[in-house]
């Protein structure tokens, strides 16, 4: 079965940190660019960070730039999202997704470009 599984979400106070994990099974993650998306309450799912197949290129949206770091370990078929200085507006369900095509397309965070999606992990930032 081809799937992505996220983990690492939870409840954290403002200013705190979380590290999200995205593990692929049934396929090799090295052949895919990876994107992280957030679905906030009452809002549409939006892309927030992405990383190229090799890990050599990354992109962040302005709202997380300087606070979040995306990375990957292709030997372990895993991607990560380190989230620091968390804010209440970071609350939402976080999804990882895999895109096999051009990284230029990946950077546009078009949902239809991503072939595989995880089930999501809840992140709640609240005091």
PDB file of N, CA and C in Angstrom:
ATOM      1  N   UNK A   1       0.850  -1.185   0.000  1.00  0.00           N
ATOM      2  CA  UNK A   1       0.000   0.000   0.000  1.00  0.00           C
ATOM      3  C   UNK A   1       0.887   1.237   0.000  1.00  0.00           C
ATOM      4  N   UNK A   2       0.583   2.163  -0.920  1.00  0.00           N
ATOM      5  CA  UNK A   2       1.366   3.389  -1.040  1.00  0.00           C
ATOM      6  C   UNK A   2       0.751   4.446  -0.132  1.00  0.00           C
ATOM      7  N   UNK A   3       1.541   4.946   0.815  1.00  0.00           N
ATOM      8  CA  UNK A   3       0.980   5.944   1.698  1.00  0.00           C
ATOM      9  C   UNK A   3       2.048   6.781   2.373  1.00  0.00           C
ATOM     10  N   UNK A   4       1.603   7.953   2.834  1.00  0.00           N
ATOM     11  CA  UNK A   4       2.405   8.817   3.684  1.00  0.00           C
ATOM     12  C   UNK A   4       1.726   8.879   5.044  1.00  0.00           C
ATOM     13  N   UNK A   5       2.527   8.881   6.079  1.00  0.00           N
ATOM     14  CA  UNK A   5       1.984   8.946   7.430  1.00  0.00           C
ATOM     15  C   UNK A   5       2.686  10.055   8.198  1.00  0.00           C
ATOM     16  N   UNK A   6       1.896  11.016   8.672  1.00  0.00           N
ATOM     17  CA  UNK A   6       2.446  12.104   9.467  1.00  0.00           C
ATOM     18  C   UNK A   6       2.330  11.778  10.952  1.00  0.00           C
ATOM     19  N   UNK A   7       3.212  12.365  11.726  1.00  0.00           N
ATOM     20  CA  UNK A   7       3.161  12.262  13.178  1.00  0.00           C
ATOM     21  C   UNK A   7       3.901  13.446  13.777  1.00  0.00           C
ATOM     22  N   UNK A   8       3.776  13.604  15.087  1.00  0.00           N
ATOM     23  CA  UNK A   8       4.507  14.653  15.779  1.00  0.00           C
ATOM     24  C   UNK A   8       3.668  15.848  16.189  1.00  0.00           C
ATOM     25  N   UNK A   9       2.408  15.866  15.781  1.00  0.00           N
ATOM     26  CA  UNK A   9       1.545  16.972  16.170  1.00  0.00           C
ATOM     27  C   UNK A   9       1.187  16.909  17.645  1.00  0.00           C
ATOM     28  N   UNK A  10       0.525  17.969  18.118  1.00  0.00           N
ATOM     29  CA  UNK A  10       0.122  18.000  19.509  1.00  0.00           C
ATOM     30  C   UNK A  10      -0.278  19.390  19.938  1.00  0.00           C
ATOM     31  N   UNK A  11      -0.422  19.562  21.232  1.00  0.00           N
ATOM     32  CA  UNK A  11      -0.772  20.846  21.836  1.00  0.00           C
ATOM     33  C   UNK A  11       0.495  21.494  22.384  1.00  0.00           C
ATOM     34  N   UNK A  12       0.716  22.736  22.019  1.00  0.00           N
ATOM     35  CA  UNK A  12       1.912  23.448  22.457  1.00  0.00           C
ATOM     36  C   UNK A  12       1.549  24.885  22.766  1.00  0.00           C
ATOM     37  N   UNK A  13       2.256  25.479  23.702  1.00  0.00           N
ATOM     38  CA  UNK A  13       2.022  26.879  24.042  1.00  0.00           C
ATOM     39  C   UNK A  13       2.663  27.794  23.007  1.00  0.00           C
ATOM     40  N   UNK A  14       2.142  28.996  22.873  1.00  0.00           N
ATOM     41  CA  UNK A  14       2.777  29.968  21.965  1.00  0.00           C
ATOM     42  C   UNK A  14       4.256  30.137  22.315  1.00  0.00           C
ATOM     43  N   UNK A  15       5.067  30.190  21.275  1.00  0.00           N
ATOM     44  CA  UNK A  15       6.504  30.271  21.459  1.00  0.00           C
ATOM     45  C   UNK A  15       7.198  28.926  21.516  1.00  0.00           C
ATOM     46  N   UNK A  16       6.419  27.864  21.598  1.00  0.00           N
ATOM     47  CA  UNK A  16       6.977  26.527  21.688  1.00  0.00           C
ATOM     48  C   UNK A  16       7.360  25.954  20.342  1.00  0.00           C
ATOM     49  N   UNK A  17       7.799  24.693  20.363  1.00  0.00           N
ATOM     50  CA  UNK A  17       8.283  24.031  19.152  1.00  0.00           C
ATOM     51  C   UNK A  17       7.666  22.641  19.020  1.00  0.00           C
ATOM     52  N   UNK A  18       7.560  22.217  17.781  1.00  0.00           N
ATOM     53  CA  UNK A  18       7.160  20.849  17.449  1.00  0.00           C
ATOM     54  C   UNK A  18       7.952  20.414  16.225  1.00  0.00           C
ATOM     55  N   UNK A  19       8.156  19.114  16.130  1.00  0.00           N
ATOM     56  CA  UNK A  19       8.793  18.541  14.945  1.00  0.00           C
ATOM     57  C   UNK A  19       7.843  17.506  14.358  1.00  0.00           C
ATOM     58  N   UNK A  20       7.439  17.760  13.113  1.00  0.00           N
ATOM     59  CA  UNK A  20       6.546  16.841  12.411  1.00  0.00           C
ATOM     60  C   UNK A  20       7.350  15.885  11.540  1.00  0.00           C
ATOM     61  N   UNK A  21       6.824  14.669  11.445  1.00  0.00           N
ATOM     62  CA  UNK A  21       7.465  13.636  10.645  1.00  0.00           C
ATOM     63  C   UNK A  21       6.507  13.162   9.559  1.00  0.00           C
ATOM     64  N   UNK A  22       7.080  12.809   8.423  1.00  0.00           N
ATOM     65  CA  UNK A  22       6.318  12.278   7.294  1.00  0.00           C
ATOM     66  C   UNK A  22       7.075  11.061   6.782  1.00  0.00           C
ATOM     67  N   UNK A  23       6.486   9.888   6.971  1.00  0.00           N
ATOM     68  CA  UNK A  23       7.140   8.645   6.582  1.00  0.00           C
ATOM     69  C   UNK A  23       6.398   8.022   5.405  1.00  0.00           C
ATOM     70  N   UNK A  24       7.143   7.654   4.376  1.00  0.00           N
ATOM     71  CA  UNK A  24       6.550   7.020   3.198  1.00  0.00           C
ATOM     72  C   UNK A  24       6.665   5.504   3.303  1.00  0.00           C
ATOM     73  N   UNK A  25       5.627   4.829   2.870  1.00  0.00           N
ATOM     74  CA  UNK A  25       5.687   3.373   2.781  1.00  0.00           C
ATOM     75  C   UNK A  25       5.106   2.936   1.452  1.00  0.00           C
ATOM     76  N   UNK A  26       5.707   1.902   0.873  1.00  0.00           N
ATOM     77  CA  UNK A  26       5.220   1.393  -0.397  1.00  0.00           C
ATOM     78  C   UNK A  26       5.817   2.076  -1.601  1.00  0.00           C
ATOM     79  N   UNK A  27       6.583   3.140  -1.416  1.00  0.00           N
ATOM     80  CA  UNK A  27       7.248   3.813  -2.530  1.00  0.00           C
ATOM     81  C   UNK A  27       8.471   4.536  -1.991  1.00  0.00           C
ATOM     82  N   UNK A  28       9.347   4.930  -2.917  1.00  0.00           N
ATOM     83  CA  UNK A  28      10.613   5.561  -2.541  1.00  0.00           C
ATOM     84  C   UNK A  28      10.485   7.065  -2.610  1.00  0.00           C
ATOM     85  N   UNK A  29      10.662   7.698  -1.486  1.00  0.00           N
ATOM     86  CA  UNK A  29      10.427   9.137  -1.389  1.00  0.00           C
ATOM     87  C   UNK A  29      11.440   9.966  -2.163  1.00  0.00           C
ATOM     88  N   UNK A  30      12.595   9.411  -2.459  1.00  0.00           N
ATOM     89  CA  UNK A  30      13.649  10.170  -3.124  1.00  0.00           C
ATOM     90  C   UNK A  30      13.227  10.650  -4.512  1.00  0.00           C
ATOM     91  N   UNK A  31      12.225  10.002  -5.108  1.00  0.00           N
ATOM     92  CA  UNK A  31      11.772  10.388  -6.437  1.00  0.00           C
ATOM     93  C   UNK A  31      10.672  11.448  -6.413  1.00  0.00           C
ATOM     94  N   UNK A  32      10.438  12.020  -5.243  1.00  0.00           N
ATOM     95  CA  UNK A  32       9.366  12.997  -5.096  1.00  0.00           C
ATOM     96  C   UNK A  32       9.854  14.243  -4.350  1.00  0.00           C
ATOM     97  N   UNK A  33       9.352  15.376  -4.806  1.00  0.00           N
ATOM     98  CA  UNK A  33       9.458  16.574  -3.993  1.00  0.00           C
ATOM     99  C   UNK A  33       8.408  16.476  -2.892  1.00  0.00           C
ATOM    100  N   UNK A  34       8.669  17.112  -1.769  1.00  0.00           N
ATOM    101  CA  UNK A  34       7.751  17.022  -0.645  1.00  0.00           C
ATOM    102  C   UNK A  34       7.215  18.404  -0.283  1.00  0.00           C
ATOM    103  N   UNK A  35       5.927  18.467  -0.045  1.00  0.00           N
ATOM    104  CA  UNK A  35       5.310  19.695   0.419  1.00  0.00           C
ATOM    105  C   UNK A  35       4.604  19.464   1.748  1.00  0.00           C
ATOM    106  N   UNK A  36       4.589  20.489   2.575  1.00  0.00           N
ATOM    107  CA  UNK A  36       3.791  20.484   3.799  1.00  0.00           C
ATOM    108  C   UNK A  36       2.672  21.507   3.620  1.00  0.00           C
ATOM    109  N   UNK A  37       1.482  21.103   3.987  1.00  0.00           N
ATOM    110  CA  UNK A  37       0.299  21.945   3.875  1.00  0.00           C
ATOM    111  C   UNK A  37      -0.359  22.072   5.246  1.00  0.00           C
ATOM    112  N   UNK A  38      -1.107  23.157   5.410  1.00  0.00           N
ATOM    113  CA  UNK A  38      -1.828  23.373   6.654  1.00  0.00           C
ATOM    114  C   UNK A  38      -3.290  23.653   6.343  1.00  0.00           C
ATOM    115  N   UNK A  39      -4.170  22.998   7.076  1.00  0.00           N
ATOM    116  CA  UNK A  39      -5.606  23.255   6.988  1.00  0.00           C
ATOM    117  C   UNK A  39      -6.031  23.861   8.317  1.00  0.00           C
ATOM    118  N   UNK A  40      -6.218  25.178   8.312  1.00  0.00           N
ATOM    119  CA  UNK A  40      -6.630  25.876   9.525  1.00  0.00           C
ATOM    120  C   UNK A  40      -8.152  25.874   9.630  1.00  0.00           C
ATOM    121  N   UNK A  41      -8.686  25.979  10.837  1.00  0.00           N
ATOM    122  CA  UNK A  41     -10.140  25.988  11.012  1.00  0.00           C
ATOM    123  C   UNK A  41     -10.801  27.086  10.199  1.00  0.00           C
ATOM    124  N   UNK A  42     -11.789  26.698   9.394  1.00  0.00           N
ATOM    125  CA  UNK A  42     -12.528  27.663   8.615  1.00  0.00           C
ATOM    126  C   UNK A  42     -11.816  28.194   7.391  1.00  0.00           C
ATOM    127  N   UNK A  43     -10.657  27.609   7.068  1.00  0.00           N
ATOM    128  CA  UNK A  43      -9.880  28.093   5.927  1.00  0.00           C
ATOM    129  C   UNK A  43      -9.561  26.954   4.965  1.00  0.00           C
ATOM    130  N   UNK A  44      -9.051  27.315   3.808  1.00  0.00           N
ATOM    131  CA  UNK A  44      -8.656  26.312   2.827  1.00  0.00           C
ATOM    132  C   UNK A  44      -7.260  25.768   3.168  1.00  0.00           C
ATOM    133  N   UNK A  45      -6.991  24.590   2.654  1.00  0.00           N
ATOM    134  CA  UNK A  45      -5.662  24.003   2.824  1.00  0.00           C
ATOM    135  C   UNK A  45      -4.656  24.792   2.000  1.00  0.00           C
ATOM    136  N   UNK A  46      -3.553  25.191   2.620  1.00  0.00           N
ATOM    137  CA  UNK A  46      -2.539  25.986   1.937  1.00  0.00           C
ATOM    138  C   UNK A  46      -1.165  25.363   2.137  1.00  0.00           C
ATOM    139  N   UNK A  47      -0.328  25.501   1.120  1.00  0.00           N
ATOM    140  CA  UNK A  47       1.042  25.033   1.232  1.00  0.00           C
ATOM    141  C   UNK A  47       1.871  26.004   2.035  1.00  0.00           C
ATOM    142  N   UNK A  48       2.796  25.475   2.852  1.00  0.00           N
ATOM    143  CA  UNK A  48       3.619  26.347   3.676  1.00  0.00           C
ATOM    144  C   UNK A  48       5.110  26.124   3.473  1.00  0.00           C
ATOM    145  N   UNK A  49       5.507  24.944   3.020  1.00  0.00           N
ATOM    146  CA  UNK A  49       6.927  24.667   2.806  1.00  0.00           C
ATOM    147  C   UNK A  49       7.072  23.496   1.852  1.00  0.00           C
ATOM    148  N   UNK A  50       8.152  23.502   1.092  1.00  0.00           N
ATOM    149  CA  UNK A  50       8.412  22.367   0.206  1.00  0.00           C
ATOM    150  C   UNK A  50       9.919  22.182   0.058  1.00  0.00           C
ATOM    151  N   UNK A  51      10.303  20.978  -0.344  1.00  0.00           N
ATOM    152  CA  UNK A  51      11.710  20.632  -0.478  1.00  0.00           C
ATOM    153  C   UNK A  51      11.869  19.752  -1.707  1.00  0.00           C
ATOM    154  N   UNK A  52      12.959  19.957  -2.429  1.00  0.00           N
ATOM    155  CA  UNK A  52      13.196  19.206  -3.657  1.00  0.00           C
ATOM    156  C   UNK A  52      13.635  17.773  -3.347  1.00  0.00           C
ATOM    157  N   UNK A  53      13.691  16.948  -4.391  1.00  0.00           N
ATOM    158  CA  UNK A  53      14.027  15.531  -4.230  1.00  0.00           C
ATOM    159  C   UNK A  53      15.349  15.331  -3.500  1.00  0.00           C
ATOM    160  N   UNK A  54      16.342  16.116  -3.877  1.00  0.00           N
ATOM    161  CA  UNK A  54      17.669  15.963  -3.288  1.00  0.00           C
ATOM    162  C   UNK A  54      17.789  16.644  -1.931  1.00  0.00           C
ATOM    163  N   UNK A  55      16.834  17.524  -1.658  1.00  0.00           N
ATOM    164  CA  UNK A  55      16.920  18.318  -0.434  1.00  0.00           C
ATOM    165  C   UNK A  55      17.686  19.616  -0.610  1.00  0.00           C
ATOM    166  N   UNK A  56      18.172  19.865  -1.823  1.00  0.00           N
ATOM    167  CA  UNK A  56      19.008  21.032  -2.044  1.00  0.00           C
ATOM    168  C   UNK A  56      18.256  22.341  -2.204  1.00  0.00           C
ATOM    169  N   UNK A  57      16.976  22.275  -2.445  1.00  0.00           N
ATOM    170  CA  UNK A  57      16.167  23.488  -2.612  1.00  0.00           C
ATOM    171  C   UNK A  57      14.957  23.415  -1.704  1.00  0.00           C
ATOM    172  N   UNK A  58      14.638  24.563  -1.126  1.00  0.00           N
ATOM    173  CA  UNK A  58      13.472  24.660  -0.263  1.00  0.00           C
ATOM    174  C   UNK A  58      12.742  25.965  -0.555  1.00  0.00           C
ATOM    175  N   UNK A  59      11.483  25.989  -0.156  1.00  0.00           N
ATOM    176  CA  UNK A  59      10.713  27.223  -0.266  1.00  0.00           C
ATOM    177  C   UNK A  59       9.760  27.289   0.922  1.00  0.00           C
ATOM    178  N   UNK A  60       9.569  28.504   1.430  1.00  0.00           N
ATOM    179  CA  UNK A  60       8.651  28.733   2.544  1.00  0.00           C
ATOM    180  C   UNK A  60       7.727  29.902   2.211  1.00  0.00           C
ATOM    181  N   UNK A  61       6.521  29.832   2.698  1.00  0.00           N
ATOM    182  CA  UNK A  61       5.653  30.989   2.580  1.00  0.00           C
ATOM    183  C   UNK A  61       6.076  32.004   3.645  1.00  0.00           C
ATOM    184  N   UNK A  62       5.704  33.255   3.437  1.00  0.00           N
ATOM    185  CA  UNK A  62       6.169  34.331   4.309  1.00  0.00           C
ATOM    186  C   UNK A  62       5.791  34.109   5.778  1.00  0.00           C
ATOM    187  N   UNK A  63       4.611  33.537   6.005  1.00  0.00           N
ATOM    188  CA  UNK A  63       4.120  33.412   7.377  1.00  0.00           C
ATOM    189  C   UNK A  63       4.940  32.465   8.239  1.00  0.00           C
ATOM    190  N   UNK A  64       5.742  31.577   7.608  1.00  0.00           N
ATOM    191  CA  UNK A  64       6.536  30.632   8.400  1.00  0.00           C
ATOM    192  C   UNK A  64       8.034  30.812   8.170  1.00  0.00           C
ATOM    193  N   UNK A  65       8.398  31.663   7.225  1.00  0.00           N
ATOM    194  CA  UNK A  65       9.811  31.893   6.926  1.00  0.00           C
ATOM    195  C   UNK A  65      10.569  32.309   8.177  1.00  0.00           C
ATOM    196  N   UNK A  66      11.693  31.662   8.439  1.00  0.00           N
ATOM    197  CA  UNK A  66      12.502  31.986   9.605  1.00  0.00           C
ATOM    198  C   UNK A  66      12.098  31.259  10.872  1.00  0.00           C
ATOM    199  N   UNK A  67      10.923  30.627  10.864  1.00  0.00           N
ATOM    200  CA  UNK A  67      10.454  29.889  12.044  1.00  0.00           C
ATOM    201  C   UNK A  67      10.387  28.383  11.786  1.00  0.00           C
ATOM    202  N   UNK A  68      10.058  28.003  10.572  1.00  0.00           N
ATOM    203  CA  UNK A  68       9.920  26.586  10.201  1.00  0.00           C
ATOM    204  C   UNK A  68      11.089  26.172   9.330  1.00  0.00           C
ATOM    205  N   UNK A  69      11.479  24.911   9.454  1.00  0.00           N
ATOM    206  CA  UNK A  69      12.535  24.347   8.620  1.00  0.00           C
ATOM    207  C   UNK A  69      12.087  22.987   8.097  1.00  0.00           C
ATOM    208  N   UNK A  70      12.085  22.860   6.772  1.00  0.00           N
ATOM    209  CA  UNK A  70      11.745  21.584   6.153  1.00  0.00           C
ATOM    210  C   UNK A  70      13.035  20.839   5.831  1.00  0.00           C
ATOM    211  N   UNK A  71      13.028  19.539   6.011  1.00  0.00           N
ATOM    212  CA  UNK A  71      14.200  18.725   5.709  1.00  0.00           C
ATOM    213  C   UNK A  71      13.741  17.327   5.325  1.00  0.00           C
ATOM    214  N   UNK A  72      14.688  16.525   4.888  1.00  0.00           N
ATOM    215  CA  UNK A  72      14.350  15.155   4.513  1.00  0.00           C
ATOM    216  C   UNK A  72      15.547  14.244   4.721  1.00  0.00           C
ATOM    217  N   UNK A  73      15.264  12.984   4.928  1.00  0.00           N
ATOM    218  CA  UNK A  73      16.300  11.958   5.035  1.00  0.00           C
ATOM    219  C   UNK A  73      15.895  10.845   4.075  1.00  0.00           C
ATOM    220  N   UNK A  74      16.443  10.873   2.879  1.00  0.00           N
ATOM    221  CA  UNK A  74      16.027   9.915   1.860  1.00  0.00           C
ATOM    222  C   UNK A  74      16.419   8.481   2.221  1.00  0.00           C
ATOM    223  N   UNK A  75      17.475   8.317   2.990  1.00  0.00           N
ATOM    224  CA  UNK A  75      17.865   6.966   3.419  1.00  0.00           C
ATOM    225  C   UNK A  75      16.796   6.342   4.315  1.00  0.00           C
ATOM    226  N   UNK A  76      16.074   7.203   5.052  1.00  0.00           N
ATOM    227  CA  UNK A  76      15.029   6.718   5.952  1.00  0.00           C
ATOM    228  C   UNK A  76      13.627   6.920   5.380  1.00  0.00           C
ATOM    229  N   UNK A  77      13.574   7.397   4.109  1.00  0.00           N
ATOM    230  CA  UNK A  77      12.276   7.598   3.460  1.00  0.00           C
ATOM    231  C   UNK A  77      11.365   8.519   4.261  1.00  0.00           C
ATOM    232  N   UNK A  78      11.974   9.565   4.794  1.00  0.00           N
ATOM    233  CA  UNK A  78      11.266  10.428   5.744  1.00  0.00           C
ATOM    234  C   UNK A  78      11.515  11.895   5.431  1.00  0.00           C
ATOM    235  N   UNK A  79      10.508  12.715   5.712  1.00  0.00           N
ATOM    236  CA  UNK A  79      10.648  14.164   5.659  1.00  0.00           C
ATOM    237  C   UNK A  79      10.229  14.735   7.010  1.00  0.00           C
ATOM    238  N   UNK A  80      10.668  15.962   7.273  1.00  0.00           N
ATOM    239  CA  UNK A  80      10.408  16.571   8.566  1.00  0.00           C
ATOM    240  C   UNK A  80       9.997  18.017   8.384  1.00  0.00           C
ATOM    241  N   UNK A  81       9.323  18.541   9.402  1.00  0.00           N
ATOM    242  CA  UNK A  81       9.030  19.969   9.469  1.00  0.00           C
ATOM    243  C   UNK A  81       9.275  20.403  10.908  1.00  0.00           C
ATOM    244  N   UNK A  82      10.372  21.124  11.118  1.00  0.00           N
ATOM    245  CA  UNK A  82      10.683  21.659  12.436  1.00  0.00           C
ATOM    246  C   UNK A  82       9.996  23.010  12.567  1.00  0.00           C
ATOM    247  N   UNK A  83       9.161  23.139  13.586  1.00  0.00           N
ATOM    248  CA  UNK A  83       8.379  24.356  13.767  1.00  0.00           C
ATOM    249  C   UNK A  83       8.770  24.994  15.100  1.00  0.00           C
ATOM    250  N   UNK A  84       9.335  26.181  15.009  1.00  0.00           N
ATOM    251  CA  UNK A  84       9.747  26.930  16.202  1.00  0.00           C
ATOM    252  C   UNK A  84       8.934  28.215  16.312  1.00  0.00           C
ATOM    253  N   UNK A  85       8.998  28.814  17.495  1.00  0.00           N
ATOM    254  CA  UNK A  85       8.293  30.086  17.739  1.00  0.00           C
ATOM    255  C   UNK A  85       6.846  30.014  17.273  1.00  0.00           C
ATOM    256  N   UNK A  86       6.171  28.961  17.655  1.00  0.00           N
ATOM    257  CA  UNK A  86       4.812  28.733  17.187  1.00  0.00           C
ATOM    258  C   UNK A  86       3.856  29.795  17.696  1.00  0.00           C
ATOM    259  N   UNK A  87       2.886  30.107  16.839  1.00  0.00           N
ATOM    260  CA  UNK A  87       1.876  31.123  17.132  1.00  0.00           C
ATOM    261  C   UNK A  87       0.491  30.480  17.077  1.00  0.00           C
ATOM    262  N   UNK A  88      -0.484  31.078  17.727  1.00  0.00           N
ATOM    263  CA  UNK A  88      -1.850  30.525  17.658  1.00  0.00           C
ATOM    264  C   UNK A  88      -2.349  30.360  16.227  1.00  0.00           C
ATOM    265  N   UNK A  89      -1.943  31.248  15.343  1.00  0.00           N
ATOM    266  CA  UNK A  89      -2.387  31.155  13.949  1.00  0.00           C
ATOM    267  C   UNK A  89      -1.746  30.001  13.185  1.00  0.00           C
ATOM    268  N   UNK A  90      -0.813  29.305  13.804  1.00  0.00           N
ATOM    269  CA  UNK A  90      -0.237  28.105  13.193  1.00  0.00           C
ATOM    270  C   UNK A  90      -1.110  26.875  13.455  1.00  0.00           C
ATOM    271  N   UNK A  91      -2.133  27.035  14.234  1.00  0.00           N
ATOM    272  CA  UNK A  91      -3.031  25.914  14.546  1.00  0.00           C
ATOM    273  C   UNK A  91      -3.700  25.372  13.293  1.00  0.00           C
ATOM    274  N   UNK A  92      -3.757  24.051  13.194  1.00  0.00           N
ATOM    275  CA  UNK A  92      -4.419  23.415  12.066  1.00  0.00           C
ATOM    276  C   UNK A  92      -3.971  21.978  11.922  1.00  0.00           C
ATOM    277  N   UNK A  93      -4.506  21.336  10.904  1.00  0.00           N
ATOM    278  CA  UNK A  93      -4.077  19.992  10.550  1.00  0.00           C
ATOM    279  C   UNK A  93      -2.982  20.115   9.495  1.00  0.00           C
ATOM    280  N   UNK A  94      -1.880  19.451   9.741  1.00  0.00           N
ATOM    281  CA  UNK A  94      -0.725  19.523   8.848  1.00  0.00           C
ATOM    282  C   UNK A  94      -0.622  18.235   8.039  1.00  0.00           C
ATOM    283  N   UNK A  95      -0.457  18.419   6.730  1.00  0.00           N
ATOM    284  CA  UNK A  95      -0.354  17.302   5.805  1.00  0.00           C
ATOM    285  C   UNK A  95       0.971  17.353   5.064  1.00  0.00           C
ATOM    286  N   UNK A  96       1.556  16.207   4.834  1.00  0.00           N
ATOM    287  CA  UNK A  96       2.664  16.142   3.893  1.00  0.00           C
ATOM    288  C   UNK A  96       2.142  15.517   2.596  1.00  0.00           C
ATOM    289  N   UNK A  97       2.786  15.881   1.492  1.00  0.00           N
ATOM    290  CA  UNK A  97       2.356  15.397   0.193  1.00  0.00           C
ATOM    291  C   UNK A  97       3.569  15.251  -0.709  1.00  0.00           C
ATOM    292  N   UNK A  98       3.468  14.358  -1.693  1.00  0.00           N
ATOM    293  CA  UNK A  98       4.583  14.036  -2.572  1.00  0.00           C
ATOM    294  C   UNK A  98       4.253  14.382  -4.019  1.00  0.00           C
ATOM    295  N   UNK A  99       5.172  15.079  -4.674  1.00  0.00           N
ATOM    296  CA  UNK A  99       5.007  15.547  -6.053  1.00  0.00           C
ATOM    297  C   UNK A  99       6.158  14.997  -6.898  1.00  0.00           C
ATOM    298  N   UNK A 100       5.863  14.233  -7.968  1.00  0.00           N
ATOM    299  CA  UNK A 100       6.938  13.617  -8.756  1.00  0.00           C
ATOM    300  C   UNK A 100       7.484  14.500  -9.881  1.00  0.00           C
ATOM    301  N   UNK A 101       6.865  15.645 -10.115  1.00  0.00           N
ATOM    302  CA  UNK A 101       7.202  16.447 -11.294  1.00  0.00           C
ATOM    303  C   UNK A 101       8.175  17.576 -10.971  1.00  0.00           C
ATOM    304  N   UNK A 102       8.149  18.617 -11.771  1.00  0.00           N
ATOM    305  CA  UNK A 102       9.090  19.730 -11.644  1.00  0.00           C
ATOM    306  C   UNK A 102       8.960  20.441 -10.300  1.00  0.00           C
ATOM    307  N   UNK A 103      10.107  20.793  -9.710  1.00  0.00           N
ATOM    308  CA  UNK A 103      10.071  21.521  -8.439  1.00  0.00           C
ATOM    309  C   UNK A 103       9.487  22.913  -8.638  1.00  0.00           C
ATOM    310  N   UNK A 104       9.592  23.449  -9.853  1.00  0.00           N
ATOM    311  CA  UNK A 104       8.963  24.740 -10.124  1.00  0.00           C
ATOM    312  C   UNK A 104       7.454  24.646  -9.910  1.00  0.00           C
ATOM    313  N   UNK A 105       6.876  23.504 -10.281  1.00  0.00           N
ATOM    314  CA  UNK A 105       5.455  23.283 -10.034  1.00  0.00           C
ATOM    315  C   UNK A 105       5.193  23.056  -8.549  1.00  0.00           C
ATOM    316  N   UNK A 106       6.053  22.316  -7.906  1.00  0.00           N
ATOM    317  CA  UNK A 106       5.888  22.049  -6.479  1.00  0.00           C
ATOM    318  C   UNK A 106       5.804  23.347  -5.692  1.00  0.00           C
ATOM    319  N   UNK A 107       6.624  24.310  -6.068  1.00  0.00           N
ATOM    320  CA  UNK A 107       6.690  25.579  -5.340  1.00  0.00           C
ATOM    321  C   UNK A 107       5.414  26.403  -5.456  1.00  0.00           C
ATOM    322  N   UNK A 108       4.540  26.052  -6.387  1.00  0.00           N
ATOM    323  CA  UNK A 108       3.267  26.772  -6.498  1.00  0.00           C
ATOM    324  C   UNK A 108       2.213  26.198  -5.558  1.00  0.00           C
ATOM    325  N   UNK A 109       2.518  25.049  -4.947  1.00  0.00           N
ATOM    326  CA  UNK A 109       1.639  24.412  -3.953  1.00  0.00           C
ATOM    327  C   UNK A 109       0.241  24.134  -4.515  1.00  0.00           C
ATOM    328  N   UNK A 110       0.179  23.736  -5.784  1.00  0.00           N
ATOM    329  CA  UNK A 110      -1.107  23.342  -6.348  1.00  0.00           C
ATOM    330  C   UNK A 110      -1.438  21.929  -5.869  1.00  0.00           C
ATOM    331  N   UNK A 111      -2.553  21.798  -5.210  1.00  0.00           N
ATOM    332  CA  UNK A 111      -2.911  20.520  -4.582  1.00  0.00           C
ATOM    333  C   UNK A 111      -2.932  19.376  -5.603  1.00  0.00           C
ATOM    334  N   UNK A 112      -3.415  19.666  -6.801  1.00  0.00           N
ATOM    335  CA  UNK A 112      -3.547  18.606  -7.812  1.00  0.00           C
ATOM    336  C   UNK A 112      -2.199  18.079  -8.309  1.00  0.00           C
ATOM    337  N   UNK A 113      -1.120  18.803  -8.067  1.00  0.00           N
ATOM    338  CA  UNK A 113       0.207  18.360  -8.514  1.00  0.00           C
ATOM    339  C   UNK A 113       0.770  17.252  -7.628  1.00  0.00           C
ATOM    340  N   UNK A 114       0.213  17.085  -6.456  1.00  0.00           N
ATOM    341  CA  UNK A 114       0.755  16.141  -5.476  1.00  0.00           C
ATOM    342  C   UNK A 114       0.006  14.816  -5.557  1.00  0.00           C
ATOM    343  N   UNK A 115       0.773  13.740  -5.808  1.00  0.00           N
ATOM    344  CA  UNK A 115       0.150  12.435  -6.028  1.00  0.00           C
ATOM    345  C   UNK A 115      -0.273  11.742  -4.739  1.00  0.00           C
ATOM    346  N   UNK A 116       0.524  11.893  -3.713  1.00  0.00           N
ATOM    347  CA  UNK A 116       0.264  11.163  -2.473  1.00  0.00           C
ATOM    348  C   UNK A 116       0.118  12.137  -1.311  1.00  0.00           C
ATOM    349  N   UNK A 117      -0.807  11.808  -0.431  1.00  0.00           N
ATOM    350  CA  UNK A 117      -1.089  12.643   0.734  1.00  0.00           C
ATOM    351  C   UNK A 117      -1.154  11.770   1.986  1.00  0.00           C
ATOM    352  N   UNK A 118      -0.738  12.353   3.099  1.00  0.00           N
ATOM    353  CA  UNK A 118      -0.927  11.686   4.369  1.00  0.00           C
ATOM    354  C   UNK A 118      -2.299  12.013   4.933  1.00  0.00           C
ATOM    355  N   UNK A 119      -2.589  11.465   6.100  1.00  0.00           N
ATOM    356  CA  UNK A 119      -3.898  11.645   6.726  1.00  0.00           C
ATOM    357  C   UNK A 119      -3.952  12.902   7.584  1.00  0.00           C
ATOM    358  N   UNK A 120      -2.784  13.498   7.844  1.00  0.00           N
ATOM    359  CA  UNK A 120      -2.725  14.730   8.608  1.00  0.00           C
ATOM    360  C   UNK A 120      -2.432  14.503  10.084  1.00  0.00           C
ATOM    361  N   UNK A 121      -1.837  15.510  10.693  1.00  0.00           N
ATOM    362  CA  UNK A 121      -1.581  15.491  12.134  1.00  0.00           C
ATOM    363  C   UNK A 121      -1.973  16.856  12.698  1.00  0.00           C
ATOM    364  N   UNK A 122      -2.682  16.842  13.817  1.00  0.00           N
ATOM    365  CA  UNK A 122      -3.227  18.071  14.395  1.00  0.00           C
ATOM    366  C   UNK A 122      -2.164  18.806  15.200  1.00  0.00           C
ATOM    367  N   UNK A 123      -2.058  20.099  14.932  1.00  0.00           N
ATOM    368  CA  UNK A 123      -1.197  20.989  15.713  1.00  0.00           C
ATOM    369  C   UNK A 123      -2.073  22.074  16.316  1.00  0.00           C
ATOM    370  N   UNK A 124      -2.018  22.212  17.619  1.00  0.00           N
ATOM    371  CA  UNK A 124      -2.793  23.233  18.309  1.00  0.00           C
ATOM    372  C   UNK A 124      -1.846  24.086  19.142  1.00  0.00           C
ATOM    373  N   UNK A 125      -1.858  25.389  18.869  1.00  0.00           N
ATOM    374  CA  UNK A 125      -1.015  26.327  19.596  1.00  0.00           C
ATOM    375  C   UNK A 125      -1.924  27.191  20.453  1.00  0.00           C
ATOM    376  N   UNK A 126      -1.847  26.983  21.751  1.00  0.00           N
ATOM    377  CA  UNK A 126      -2.753  27.680  22.652  1.00  0.00           C
ATOM    378  C   UNK A 126      -2.169  27.702  24.051  1.00  0.00           C
ATOM    379  N   UNK A 127      -2.463  28.780  24.766  1.00  0.00           N
ATOM    380  CA  UNK A 127      -2.029  28.870  26.161  1.00  0.00           C
ATOM    381  C   UNK A 127      -3.122  28.352  27.090  1.00  0.00           C
TER     382      UNK A 127
END
